[in-house]
Amino acid sequence: MNQGLCALIRSKRLLSFCRRRLGVSLLMGLIVLWPVAAPGAATGQPALHTLVTTQVRRLWERDVPFVLRSIGVIHQPPEYVARQALFALDRHDLAGVMRFVDHSAPSVHEQVSEALRHWPPGALRQPGVWGCIGPYQQEPWLKSIPEGSIRRVPVALSRSGETHELILTLHFGKQRGWRIIGAHYLQPMSHRSP
């Protein structure tokens, strides 16, 4: 029994699992504590407990799902990635879009930046405007999608008679995660030449 226990402790798979979990824990701890421990945080107007509460809420709502999806604990269908990219585009948040970009893909940064230049800022928050991701098909836990497959997901935004469309090319990689490897912006219908 002792030999089996020693073999389990020395197992590379267990060690890599522990290292990954420790890395995620340290990253989350840094995200929570850095704004509180940052120089000048104590001299600001908000109280310390307010800063901690705000940072923990931000971590829980934004960073925890992102980290869990990135390491494969929570599965992310391609429509989730496209929806988050749409919200980030609406805020003109380049960093928010780049979180989902495969940085090894050639020219994807230029393609996303080009789309960001043409995308109407704040359009989703205006009345009578809708954005859609589609066609929406929720894969059952993504079991049927082989690693390495590529999917194009259209992101459409309509307002006052014109439709903005962005075609995101997503690549299914390791740990059941999707990454943006291409973006193609289509000019509004009313502005297209015949």
N, C-alpha and C. Protein backbone atom coordinates (compact mmCIF):
# COMPACT_ATOMS: atom_id res chain seq x y z
N MET A 1 0.83 -1.21 0.00
CA MET A 1 0.00 0.00 0.00
C MET A 1 0.86 1.26 0.00
N ASN A 2 1.97 1.21 0.77
CA ASN A 2 2.86 2.36 0.80
C ASN A 2 3.48 2.62 -0.56
N GLN A 3 3.82 1.53 -1.27
CA GLN A 3 4.40 1.69 -2.60
C GLN A 3 3.41 2.34 -3.56
N GLY A 4 2.15 1.92 -3.48
CA GLY A 4 1.12 2.51 -4.33
C GLY A 4 0.92 3.99 -4.05
N LEU A 5 0.95 4.34 -2.74
CA LEU A 5 0.80 5.74 -2.34
C LEU A 5 1.97 6.58 -2.85
N CYS A 6 3.19 6.03 -2.72
CA CYS A 6 4.38 6.75 -3.20
C CYS A 6 4.33 6.93 -4.72
N ALA A 7 3.88 5.89 -5.41
CA ALA A 7 3.77 5.99 -6.87
C ALA A 7 2.76 7.05 -7.27
N LEU A 8 1.65 7.13 -6.51
CA LEU A 8 0.62 8.14 -6.80
C LEU A 8 1.16 9.55 -6.58
N ILE A 9 1.95 9.71 -5.50
CA ILE A 9 2.51 11.03 -5.19
C ILE A 9 3.50 11.45 -6.27
N ARG A 10 4.28 10.47 -6.78
CA ARG A 10 5.28 10.77 -7.80
C ARG A 10 4.69 10.86 -9.21
N SER A 11 3.40 10.61 -9.35
CA SER A 11 2.77 10.59 -10.67
C SER A 11 2.85 11.97 -11.33
N LYS A 12 3.28 11.98 -12.59
CA LYS A 12 3.40 13.25 -13.33
C LYS A 12 2.03 13.89 -13.56
N ARG A 13 1.04 13.07 -13.78
CA ARG A 13 -0.30 13.60 -14.02
C ARG A 13 -0.83 14.34 -12.79
N LEU A 14 -0.62 13.73 -11.60
CA LEU A 14 -1.08 14.37 -10.37
C LEU A 14 -0.30 15.65 -10.12
N LEU A 15 1.02 15.62 -10.38
CA LEU A 15 1.83 16.81 -10.16
C LEU A 15 1.41 17.95 -11.09
N SER A 16 1.16 17.63 -12.35
CA SER A 16 0.74 18.69 -13.28
C SER A 16 -0.63 19.24 -12.89
N PHE A 17 -1.54 18.35 -12.43
CA PHE A 17 -2.85 18.80 -11.97
C PHE A 17 -2.70 19.76 -10.79
N CYS A 18 -1.85 19.38 -9.81
CA CYS A 18 -1.66 20.22 -8.62
C CYS A 18 -1.02 21.55 -8.99
N ARG A 19 -0.04 21.51 -9.90
CA ARG A 19 0.61 22.76 -10.32
C ARG A 19 -0.38 23.69 -11.01
N ARG A 20 -1.23 23.12 -11.86
CA ARG A 20 -2.21 23.94 -12.57
C ARG A 20 -3.19 24.58 -11.59
N ARG A 21 -3.70 23.78 -10.64
CA ARG A 21 -4.65 24.33 -9.67
C ARG A 21 -3.98 25.39 -8.79
N LEU A 22 -2.71 25.15 -8.40
CA LEU A 22 -2.00 26.12 -7.59
C LEU A 22 -1.79 27.42 -8.37
N GLY A 23 -1.47 27.28 -9.66
CA GLY A 23 -1.29 28.47 -10.49
C GLY A 23 -2.56 29.28 -10.61
N VAL A 24 -3.70 28.60 -10.79
CA VAL A 24 -4.99 29.29 -10.89
C VAL A 24 -5.31 29.99 -9.57
N SER A 25 -5.05 29.31 -8.44
CA SER A 25 -5.32 29.90 -7.13
C SER A 25 -4.47 31.15 -6.90
N LEU A 26 -3.18 31.07 -7.25
CA LEU A 26 -2.30 32.23 -7.09
C LEU A 26 -2.74 33.39 -7.98
N LEU A 27 -3.14 33.07 -9.21
CA LEU A 27 -3.60 34.11 -10.13
C LEU A 27 -4.85 34.80 -9.59
N MET A 28 -5.80 34.02 -9.09
CA MET A 28 -7.03 34.61 -8.55
C MET A 28 -6.72 35.45 -7.31
N GLY A 29 -5.81 34.95 -6.46
CA GLY A 29 -5.43 35.73 -5.28
C GLY A 29 -4.79 37.05 -5.66
N LEU A 30 -3.95 37.04 -6.69
CA LEU A 30 -3.32 38.26 -7.15
C LEU A 30 -4.34 39.24 -7.71
N ILE A 31 -5.31 38.72 -8.46
CA ILE A 31 -6.35 39.58 -9.03
C ILE A 31 -7.16 40.25 -7.93
N VAL A 32 -7.43 39.51 -6.86
CA VAL A 32 -8.23 40.06 -5.76
C VAL A 32 -7.43 41.07 -4.95
N LEU A 33 -6.17 40.74 -4.62
CA LEU A 33 -5.43 41.54 -3.66
C LEU A 33 -4.65 42.69 -4.27
N TRP A 34 -4.33 42.61 -5.57
CA TRP A 34 -3.47 43.65 -6.13
C TRP A 34 -4.06 45.05 -6.03
N PRO A 35 -5.34 45.29 -6.40
CA PRO A 35 -5.87 46.66 -6.27
C PRO A 35 -5.90 47.15 -4.83
N VAL A 36 -6.05 46.22 -3.87
CA VAL A 36 -6.09 46.62 -2.47
C VAL A 36 -4.69 46.96 -1.98
N ALA A 37 -3.70 46.13 -2.39
CA ALA A 37 -2.33 46.32 -1.93
C ALA A 37 -1.55 47.29 -2.80
N ALA A 38 -2.14 47.77 -3.87
CA ALA A 38 -1.43 48.65 -4.80
C ALA A 38 -1.08 49.96 -4.13
N PRO A 39 0.03 50.57 -4.52
CA PRO A 39 0.40 51.87 -3.95
C PRO A 39 -0.69 52.90 -4.21
N GLY A 40 -1.04 53.62 -3.18
CA GLY A 40 -2.06 54.65 -3.32
C GLY A 40 -3.46 54.18 -3.05
N ALA A 41 -3.66 52.87 -2.85
CA ALA A 41 -5.02 52.38 -2.62
C ALA A 41 -5.55 52.86 -1.28
N ALA A 42 -4.66 52.98 -0.29
CA ALA A 42 -5.09 53.40 1.05
C ALA A 42 -5.41 54.89 1.10
N THR A 43 -4.85 55.67 0.17
CA THR A 43 -5.08 57.12 0.21
C THR A 43 -6.32 57.54 -0.57
N GLY A 44 -6.94 56.61 -1.29
CA GLY A 44 -8.13 56.94 -2.08
C GLY A 44 -9.35 57.16 -1.21
N GLN A 45 -10.44 57.57 -1.83
CA GLN A 45 -11.68 57.85 -1.11
C GLN A 45 -12.38 56.61 -0.58
N PRO A 46 -12.52 55.52 -1.39
CA PRO A 46 -13.29 54.38 -0.90
C PRO A 46 -12.60 53.67 0.26
N ALA A 47 -13.41 53.12 1.16
CA ALA A 47 -12.88 52.36 2.29
C ALA A 47 -12.30 51.04 1.80
N LEU A 48 -11.47 50.44 2.65
CA LEU A 48 -10.79 49.19 2.28
C LEU A 48 -11.80 48.08 2.01
N HIS A 49 -12.83 47.95 2.85
CA HIS A 49 -13.81 46.87 2.65
C HIS A 49 -14.60 47.07 1.36
N THR A 50 -14.79 48.34 0.94
CA THR A 50 -15.48 48.60 -0.33
C THR A 50 -14.63 48.13 -1.51
N LEU A 51 -13.33 48.42 -1.44
CA LEU A 51 -12.43 47.96 -2.50
C LEU A 51 -12.40 46.44 -2.60
N VAL A 52 -12.32 45.79 -1.43
CA VAL A 52 -12.28 44.32 -1.42
C VAL A 52 -13.58 43.75 -1.97
N THR A 53 -14.72 44.30 -1.53
CA THR A 53 -16.02 43.82 -2.00
C THR A 53 -16.16 43.99 -3.51
N THR A 54 -15.77 45.16 -4.02
CA THR A 54 -15.86 45.42 -5.46
C THR A 54 -14.99 44.46 -6.24
N GLN A 55 -13.75 44.24 -5.75
CA GLN A 55 -12.84 43.38 -6.48
C GLN A 55 -13.28 41.92 -6.45
N VAL A 56 -13.81 41.48 -5.31
CA VAL A 56 -14.30 40.09 -5.22
C VAL A 56 -15.50 39.90 -6.13
N ARG A 57 -16.41 40.89 -6.18
CA ARG A 57 -17.56 40.78 -7.07
C ARG A 57 -17.11 40.73 -8.53
N ARG A 58 -16.14 41.58 -8.88
CA ARG A 58 -15.63 41.58 -10.25
C ARG A 58 -14.96 40.24 -10.58
N LEU A 59 -14.22 39.71 -9.62
CA LEU A 59 -13.57 38.42 -9.82
C LEU A 59 -14.60 37.32 -10.03
N TRP A 60 -15.65 37.33 -9.20
CA TRP A 60 -16.66 36.27 -9.28
C TRP A 60 -17.45 36.35 -10.58
N GLU A 61 -17.82 37.57 -10.99
CA GLU A 61 -18.68 37.73 -12.16
C GLU A 61 -17.93 37.62 -13.49
N ARG A 62 -16.66 38.06 -13.51
CA ARG A 62 -15.96 38.12 -14.78
C ARG A 62 -14.79 37.14 -14.87
N ASP A 63 -13.90 37.15 -13.88
CA ASP A 63 -12.65 36.41 -14.01
C ASP A 63 -12.80 34.93 -13.70
N VAL A 64 -13.62 34.57 -12.70
CA VAL A 64 -13.76 33.14 -12.37
C VAL A 64 -14.34 32.37 -13.55
N PRO A 65 -15.46 32.81 -14.16
CA PRO A 65 -15.93 32.06 -15.33
C PRO A 65 -14.91 32.01 -16.45
N PHE A 66 -14.17 33.13 -16.66
CA PHE A 66 -13.19 33.14 -17.74
C PHE A 66 -12.07 32.13 -17.48
N VAL A 67 -11.55 32.10 -16.24
CA VAL A 67 -10.47 31.17 -15.91
C VAL A 67 -10.97 29.74 -15.99
N LEU A 68 -12.16 29.48 -15.44
CA LEU A 68 -12.70 28.12 -15.47
C LEU A 68 -12.97 27.65 -16.89
N ARG A 69 -13.43 28.56 -17.76
CA ARG A 69 -13.63 28.18 -19.15
C ARG A 69 -12.30 27.96 -19.86
N SER A 70 -11.30 28.79 -19.53
CA SER A 70 -10.00 28.67 -20.19
C SER A 70 -9.31 27.35 -19.88
N ILE A 71 -9.46 26.86 -18.65
CA ILE A 71 -8.78 25.60 -18.29
C ILE A 71 -9.66 24.39 -18.54
N GLY A 72 -10.87 24.61 -19.07
CA GLY A 72 -11.70 23.49 -19.48
C GLY A 72 -12.64 22.96 -18.43
N VAL A 73 -12.73 23.62 -17.25
CA VAL A 73 -13.66 23.15 -16.22
C VAL A 73 -15.09 23.42 -16.65
N ILE A 74 -15.34 24.63 -17.17
CA ILE A 74 -16.64 24.97 -17.74
C ILE A 74 -16.47 24.97 -19.25
N HIS A 75 -17.32 24.26 -19.94
CA HIS A 75 -17.21 24.18 -21.39
C HIS A 75 -17.77 25.46 -22.02
N GLN A 76 -17.12 25.93 -23.06
CA GLN A 76 -17.57 27.15 -23.72
C GLN A 76 -17.92 26.85 -25.17
N PRO A 77 -19.20 26.90 -25.51
CA PRO A 77 -19.58 26.73 -26.91
C PRO A 77 -19.11 27.93 -27.71
N PRO A 78 -19.01 27.79 -29.02
CA PRO A 78 -18.53 28.92 -29.82
C PRO A 78 -19.43 30.15 -29.71
N GLU A 79 -20.73 29.92 -29.48
CA GLU A 79 -21.64 31.06 -29.35
C GLU A 79 -21.33 31.89 -28.10
N TYR A 80 -20.83 31.24 -27.04
CA TYR A 80 -20.44 31.98 -25.84
C TYR A 80 -19.30 32.94 -26.17
N VAL A 81 -18.29 32.43 -26.87
CA VAL A 81 -17.15 33.26 -27.25
C VAL A 81 -17.61 34.41 -28.13
N ALA A 82 -18.48 34.12 -29.10
CA ALA A 82 -18.98 35.17 -30.00
C ALA A 82 -19.79 36.21 -29.23
N ARG A 83 -20.60 35.77 -28.28
CA ARG A 83 -21.42 36.71 -27.50
C ARG A 83 -20.52 37.63 -26.67
N GLN A 84 -19.51 37.06 -26.02
CA GLN A 84 -18.61 37.88 -25.22
C GLN A 84 -17.83 38.85 -26.10
N ALA A 85 -17.46 38.39 -27.30
CA ALA A 85 -16.77 39.29 -28.24
C ALA A 85 -17.70 40.42 -28.66
N LEU A 86 -18.98 40.12 -28.86
CA LEU A 86 -19.96 41.15 -29.23
C LEU A 86 -20.09 42.19 -28.13
N PHE A 87 -20.17 41.75 -26.86
CA PHE A 87 -20.27 42.69 -25.75
C PHE A 87 -19.01 43.56 -25.66
N ALA A 88 -17.85 42.94 -25.87
CA ALA A 88 -16.60 43.70 -25.81
C ALA A 88 -16.51 44.68 -26.98
N LEU A 89 -16.97 44.27 -28.16
CA LEU A 89 -16.99 45.18 -29.31
C LEU A 89 -17.90 46.37 -29.02
N ASP A 90 -19.02 46.12 -28.37
CA ASP A 90 -19.96 47.19 -28.06
C ASP A 90 -19.33 48.22 -27.13
N ARG A 91 -18.45 47.77 -26.24
CA ARG A 91 -17.75 48.68 -25.33
C ARG A 91 -16.46 49.23 -25.94
N HIS A 92 -16.15 48.80 -27.19
CA HIS A 92 -14.86 49.12 -27.81
C HIS A 92 -13.71 48.72 -26.89
N ASP A 93 -13.85 47.56 -26.31
CA ASP A 93 -12.88 47.02 -25.37
C ASP A 93 -11.99 46.03 -26.12
N LEU A 94 -10.87 46.52 -26.65
CA LEU A 94 -9.99 45.67 -27.45
C LEU A 94 -9.41 44.54 -26.60
N ALA A 95 -9.04 44.88 -25.35
CA ALA A 95 -8.48 43.84 -24.47
C ALA A 95 -9.51 42.75 -24.19
N GLY A 96 -10.78 43.14 -24.07
CA GLY A 96 -11.83 42.15 -23.83
C GLY A 96 -11.99 41.18 -24.98
N VAL A 97 -11.82 41.69 -26.22
CA VAL A 97 -11.90 40.80 -27.38
C VAL A 97 -10.66 39.92 -27.44
N MET A 98 -9.50 40.51 -27.14
CA MET A 98 -8.25 39.78 -27.26
C MET A 98 -8.13 38.63 -26.26
N ARG A 99 -8.93 38.66 -25.20
CA ARG A 99 -8.92 37.53 -24.26
C ARG A 99 -9.32 36.23 -24.96
N PHE A 100 -10.11 36.35 -26.02
CA PHE A 100 -10.60 35.16 -26.72
C PHE A 100 -9.83 34.89 -28.01
N VAL A 101 -8.78 35.65 -28.26
CA VAL A 101 -8.05 35.51 -29.52
C VAL A 101 -6.93 34.49 -29.35
N ASP A 102 -6.74 33.67 -30.37
CA ASP A 102 -5.59 32.77 -30.43
C ASP A 102 -4.41 33.60 -30.93
N HIS A 103 -3.49 33.91 -30.01
CA HIS A 103 -2.42 34.85 -30.34
C HIS A 103 -1.39 34.26 -31.31
N SER A 104 -1.46 32.97 -31.54
CA SER A 104 -0.54 32.36 -32.51
C SER A 104 -1.09 32.45 -33.94
N ALA A 105 -2.36 32.84 -34.08
CA ALA A 105 -2.97 32.93 -35.41
C ALA A 105 -2.45 34.16 -36.14
N PRO A 106 -2.04 34.03 -37.39
CA PRO A 106 -1.49 35.19 -38.12
C PRO A 106 -2.56 36.22 -38.44
N SER A 107 -2.21 37.48 -38.27
CA SER A 107 -3.00 38.67 -38.64
C SER A 107 -4.36 38.78 -37.94
N VAL A 108 -4.62 37.97 -36.91
CA VAL A 108 -5.93 38.07 -36.26
C VAL A 108 -6.05 39.38 -35.49
N HIS A 109 -4.94 39.89 -34.93
CA HIS A 109 -5.00 41.16 -34.22
C HIS A 109 -5.41 42.30 -35.15
N GLU A 110 -4.84 42.30 -36.36
CA GLU A 110 -5.19 43.34 -37.33
C GLU A 110 -6.65 43.23 -37.76
N GLN A 111 -7.13 42.00 -37.92
CA GLN A 111 -8.52 41.79 -38.34
C GLN A 111 -9.49 42.28 -37.27
N VAL A 112 -9.20 41.96 -36.01
CA VAL A 112 -10.08 42.39 -34.92
C VAL A 112 -10.01 43.91 -34.77
N SER A 113 -8.82 44.49 -34.87
CA SER A 113 -8.68 45.95 -34.78
C SER A 113 -9.44 46.65 -35.90
N GLU A 114 -9.39 46.08 -37.10
CA GLU A 114 -10.13 46.65 -38.24
C GLU A 114 -11.63 46.60 -37.99
N ALA A 115 -12.11 45.47 -37.47
CA ALA A 115 -13.53 45.36 -37.15
C ALA A 115 -13.93 46.36 -36.07
N LEU A 116 -13.04 46.57 -35.11
CA LEU A 116 -13.32 47.49 -34.01
C LEU A 116 -13.43 48.93 -34.52
N ARG A 117 -12.65 49.28 -35.54
CA ARG A 117 -12.72 50.63 -36.09
C ARG A 117 -14.07 50.91 -36.74
N HIS A 118 -14.68 49.90 -37.34
CA HIS A 118 -15.95 50.09 -38.05
C HIS A 118 -17.18 49.85 -37.17
N TRP A 119 -17.00 49.14 -36.06
CA TRP A 119 -18.16 48.75 -35.25
C TRP A 119 -18.73 49.97 -34.56
N PRO A 120 -20.06 50.18 -34.61
CA PRO A 120 -20.66 51.38 -33.99
C PRO A 120 -20.58 51.31 -32.47
N PRO A 121 -19.94 52.29 -31.82
CA PRO A 121 -19.78 52.22 -30.36
C PRO A 121 -21.10 52.44 -29.63
N GLY A 122 -21.33 51.65 -28.60
CA GLY A 122 -22.51 51.80 -27.76
C GLY A 122 -23.82 51.48 -28.43
N ALA A 123 -23.80 50.80 -29.57
CA ALA A 123 -25.03 50.58 -30.33
C ALA A 123 -25.98 49.63 -29.61
N LEU A 124 -25.46 48.65 -28.89
CA LEU A 124 -26.34 47.69 -28.23
C LEU A 124 -27.14 48.33 -27.10
N ARG A 125 -26.67 49.44 -26.58
CA ARG A 125 -27.37 50.08 -25.46
C ARG A 125 -28.43 51.06 -25.93
N GLN A 126 -28.55 51.23 -27.23
CA GLN A 126 -29.56 52.15 -27.75
C GLN A 126 -30.88 51.42 -27.96
N PRO A 127 -32.02 52.10 -27.74
CA PRO A 127 -33.31 51.43 -27.92
C PRO A 127 -33.55 51.06 -29.38
N GLY A 128 -34.21 49.95 -29.59
CA GLY A 128 -34.54 49.51 -30.93
C GLY A 128 -33.40 48.82 -31.65
N VAL A 129 -32.33 48.52 -30.94
CA VAL A 129 -31.18 47.87 -31.56
C VAL A 129 -31.04 46.48 -30.97
N TRP A 130 -30.74 45.53 -31.79
CA TRP A 130 -30.57 44.17 -31.28
C TRP A 130 -29.34 43.55 -31.90
N GLY A 131 -28.70 42.72 -31.13
CA GLY A 131 -27.57 41.96 -31.64
C GLY A 131 -27.92 40.49 -31.55
N CYS A 132 -27.47 39.70 -32.51
CA CYS A 132 -27.79 38.28 -32.46
C CYS A 132 -26.55 37.45 -32.78
N ILE A 133 -26.48 36.31 -32.17
CA ILE A 133 -25.45 35.33 -32.45
C ILE A 133 -26.16 34.16 -33.10
N GLY A 134 -25.69 33.72 -34.23
CA GLY A 134 -26.45 32.61 -34.78
C GLY A 134 -25.82 31.98 -35.99
N PRO A 135 -26.41 30.90 -36.44
CA PRO A 135 -27.54 30.22 -35.81
C PRO A 135 -27.12 29.53 -34.52
N TYR A 136 -27.88 29.74 -33.46
CA TYR A 136 -27.49 29.21 -32.15
C TYR A 136 -27.80 27.73 -32.05
N GLN A 137 -26.79 26.94 -31.83
CA GLN A 137 -26.95 25.50 -31.61
C GLN A 137 -26.04 25.10 -30.46
N GLN A 138 -26.62 24.75 -29.35
CA GLN A 138 -25.83 24.37 -28.17
C GLN A 138 -25.37 22.92 -28.30
N GLU A 139 -24.09 22.73 -28.47
CA GLU A 139 -23.57 21.36 -28.55
C GLU A 139 -23.63 20.72 -27.17
N PRO A 140 -24.08 19.44 -27.07
CA PRO A 140 -24.13 18.78 -25.78
C PRO A 140 -22.72 18.51 -25.27
N TRP A 141 -22.24 19.44 -24.42
CA TRP A 141 -20.92 19.33 -23.78
C TRP A 141 -19.78 19.22 -24.79
N LEU A 142 -20.06 19.58 -26.05
CA LEU A 142 -19.03 19.62 -27.08
C LEU A 142 -18.32 18.29 -27.28
N LYS A 143 -18.98 17.19 -26.93
CA LYS A 143 -18.32 15.89 -27.06
C LYS A 143 -18.15 15.47 -28.51
N SER A 144 -19.04 15.95 -29.37
CA SER A 144 -19.00 15.49 -30.75
C SER A 144 -18.07 16.32 -31.63
N ILE A 145 -17.45 17.36 -31.08
CA ILE A 145 -16.61 18.23 -31.89
C ILE A 145 -15.15 17.81 -31.75
N PRO A 146 -14.51 17.40 -32.82
CA PRO A 146 -13.11 16.96 -32.72
C PRO A 146 -12.18 18.15 -32.52
N GLU A 147 -11.10 17.91 -31.80
CA GLU A 147 -10.11 18.94 -31.58
C GLU A 147 -9.51 19.35 -32.92
N GLY A 148 -9.34 20.64 -33.10
CA GLY A 148 -8.79 21.15 -34.35
C GLY A 148 -9.84 21.62 -35.34
N SER A 149 -11.14 21.43 -35.01
CA SER A 149 -12.18 21.86 -35.95
C SER A 149 -12.33 23.38 -35.91
N ILE A 150 -12.84 23.92 -37.01
CA ILE A 150 -13.00 25.37 -37.17
C ILE A 150 -14.46 25.67 -37.46
N ARG A 151 -14.98 26.75 -36.87
CA ARG A 151 -16.37 27.12 -37.07
C ARG A 151 -16.48 28.62 -37.28
N ARG A 152 -17.27 29.01 -38.24
CA ARG A 152 -17.54 30.43 -38.49
C ARG A 152 -18.86 30.80 -37.84
N VAL A 153 -18.84 31.84 -37.00
CA VAL A 153 -20.04 32.27 -36.29
C VAL A 153 -20.33 33.72 -36.66
N PRO A 154 -21.50 33.98 -37.28
CA PRO A 154 -21.84 35.37 -37.61
C PRO A 154 -22.38 36.13 -36.40
N VAL A 155 -21.93 37.36 -36.24
CA VAL A 155 -22.42 38.25 -35.20
C VAL A 155 -23.06 39.43 -35.92
N ALA A 156 -24.38 39.60 -35.78
CA ALA A 156 -25.09 40.64 -36.52
C ALA A 156 -25.65 41.69 -35.57
N LEU A 157 -25.63 42.93 -36.01
CA LEU A 157 -26.17 44.04 -35.23
C LEU A 157 -26.97 44.92 -36.18
N SER A 158 -28.27 45.10 -35.89
CA SER A 158 -29.15 45.88 -36.78
C SER A 158 -29.62 47.14 -36.07
N ARG A 159 -29.64 48.23 -36.83
CA ARG A 159 -30.20 49.48 -36.30
C ARG A 159 -30.53 50.40 -37.45
N SER A 160 -31.62 51.08 -37.35
CA SER A 160 -32.08 52.11 -38.29
C SER A 160 -31.82 51.74 -39.75
N GLY A 161 -32.27 50.55 -40.12
CA GLY A 161 -32.21 50.14 -41.52
C GLY A 161 -30.88 49.63 -42.02
N GLU A 162 -29.86 49.55 -41.16
CA GLU A 162 -28.58 49.01 -41.60
C GLU A 162 -28.16 47.87 -40.68
N THR A 163 -27.45 46.93 -41.25
CA THR A 163 -27.01 45.76 -40.49
C THR A 163 -25.49 45.67 -40.54
N HIS A 164 -24.88 45.65 -39.37
CA HIS A 164 -23.45 45.41 -39.26
C HIS A 164 -23.26 43.92 -39.01
N GLU A 165 -22.32 43.32 -39.69
CA GLU A 165 -22.10 41.89 -39.50
C GLU A 165 -20.61 41.61 -39.39
N LEU A 166 -20.29 40.79 -38.42
CA LEU A 166 -18.91 40.38 -38.19
C LEU A 166 -18.89 38.86 -38.20
N ILE A 167 -18.05 38.29 -39.04
CA ILE A 167 -17.92 36.83 -39.10
C ILE A 167 -16.68 36.46 -38.30
N LEU A 168 -16.88 35.77 -37.18
CA LEU A 168 -15.76 35.31 -36.37
C LEU A 168 -15.42 33.88 -36.75
N THR A 169 -14.15 33.63 -37.01
CA THR A 169 -13.69 32.27 -37.27
C THR A 169 -13.08 31.74 -35.98
N LEU A 170 -13.67 30.67 -35.46
CA LEU A 170 -13.26 30.12 -34.16
C LEU A 170 -12.62 28.76 -34.36
N HIS A 171 -11.56 28.52 -33.60
CA HIS A 171 -10.83 27.26 -33.66
C HIS A 171 -11.01 26.52 -32.34
N PHE A 172 -11.38 25.25 -32.44
CA PHE A 172 -11.58 24.42 -31.26
C PHE A 172 -10.25 23.76 -30.91
N GLY A 173 -9.68 24.14 -29.77
CA GLY A 173 -8.37 23.63 -29.39
C GLY A 173 -8.41 22.70 -28.21
N LYS A 174 -7.33 22.69 -27.47
CA LYS A 174 -7.22 21.80 -26.32
C LYS A 174 -8.13 22.27 -25.20
N GLN A 175 -8.44 21.38 -24.29
CA GLN A 175 -9.25 21.66 -23.09
C GLN A 175 -10.63 22.18 -23.46
N ARG A 176 -11.15 21.76 -24.61
CA ARG A 176 -12.50 22.12 -25.03
C ARG A 176 -12.75 23.62 -25.02
N GLY A 177 -11.79 24.38 -25.48
CA GLY A 177 -11.93 25.83 -25.51
C GLY A 177 -11.84 26.37 -26.92
N TRP A 178 -12.63 27.41 -27.21
CA TRP A 178 -12.63 28.04 -28.52
C TRP A 178 -11.80 29.31 -28.46
N ARG A 179 -11.10 29.59 -29.56
CA ARG A 179 -10.33 30.82 -29.68
C ARG A 179 -10.62 31.45 -31.04
N ILE A 180 -10.62 32.78 -31.07
CA ILE A 180 -10.84 33.51 -32.32
C ILE A 180 -9.55 33.46 -33.14
N ILE A 181 -9.63 32.96 -34.37
CA ILE A 181 -8.46 32.95 -35.24
C ILE A 181 -8.66 33.83 -36.47
N GLY A 182 -9.82 34.44 -36.59
CA GLY A 182 -10.07 35.33 -37.73
C GLY A 182 -11.33 36.13 -37.52
N ALA A 183 -11.37 37.32 -38.11
CA ALA A 183 -12.55 38.19 -38.01
C ALA A 183 -12.71 38.92 -39.34
N HIS A 184 -13.91 38.90 -39.87
CA HIS A 184 -14.19 39.57 -41.15
C HIS A 184 -15.40 40.47 -40.97
N TYR A 185 -15.19 41.77 -41.12
CA TYR A 185 -16.28 42.74 -40.94
C TYR A 185 -16.94 43.02 -42.28
N LEU A 186 -18.28 42.98 -42.30
CA LEU A 186 -19.04 43.31 -43.51
C LEU A 186 -19.65 44.70 -43.34
N GLN A 187 -19.50 45.53 -44.34
CA GLN A 187 -20.04 46.89 -44.29
C GLN A 187 -21.56 46.85 -44.15
N PRO A 188 -22.16 47.88 -43.54
CA PRO A 188 -23.62 47.92 -43.43
C PRO A 188 -24.29 47.82 -44.80
N MET A 189 -25.45 47.18 -44.83
CA MET A 189 -26.17 46.96 -46.09
C MET A 189 -26.45 48.28 -46.81
N SER A 190 -26.80 49.33 -46.06
CA SER A 190 -27.17 50.60 -46.69
C SER A 190 -25.97 51.30 -47.30
N HIS A 191 -24.74 50.92 -46.87
CA HIS A 191 -23.54 51.58 -47.38
C HIS A 191 -22.84 50.79 -48.47
N ARG A 192 -23.33 49.58 -48.76
CA ARG A 192 -22.65 48.76 -49.75
C ARG A 192 -22.93 49.28 -51.16
N SER A 193 -21.92 49.18 -51.99
CA SER A 193 -22.12 49.58 -53.38
C SER A 193 -22.86 48.49 -54.13
N PRO A 194 -23.71 48.82 -55.10
CA PRO A 194 -24.52 47.81 -55.80
C PRO A 194 -23.65 46.93 -56.68
